[in-house]
Amino acid sequence: MPPKNKGKAKEKTDDSESSSSKSKLKPATSINVRHILCEKHAKKEEALEKLRGGAKFDDVAREMSEDKARQGGSLGWKVRGSLMQDFEKVAYELEPSTTGNPKWGEVKTSEGYHVLMVEGRK
């Protein structure tokens, strides 16, 4: 029994070291994500100005996003590997936040410019 416990403890230590060196977030297999998609860089910058001014993320998404606008930019729960690689990389590094006080990230993909936020992680 002692060797088993020792092995498990070592395994957990390795996991926590690798995740803390990358970020303080626990690894997740799925995220609840919202985004604002803009074809033009200038429109993305306009959306960011509204967010910086205190506008709610979902309101800006309804007004400015060129995708999923009626849902406030919600893409729902997405499992790892189901999103575009560049988008997913940024999304999984974001801390969960609320639409009223969003912590957002930005990424450019073949679809355009995305401003994204994460509401939950599992």
Foldseek 3Di string as FASTA:
>chain_A
DVVVVVVVVVVVVVQCVVVVVVHPDHQFFKFWKFKAFDADPVLVVVLVVVVVVQAFQLVSNLVHGPPPNVVSRTPGMDGPPPDPPQVNVQARRADADGRRNFDWDWDQDPRHIMIMGTNDGD
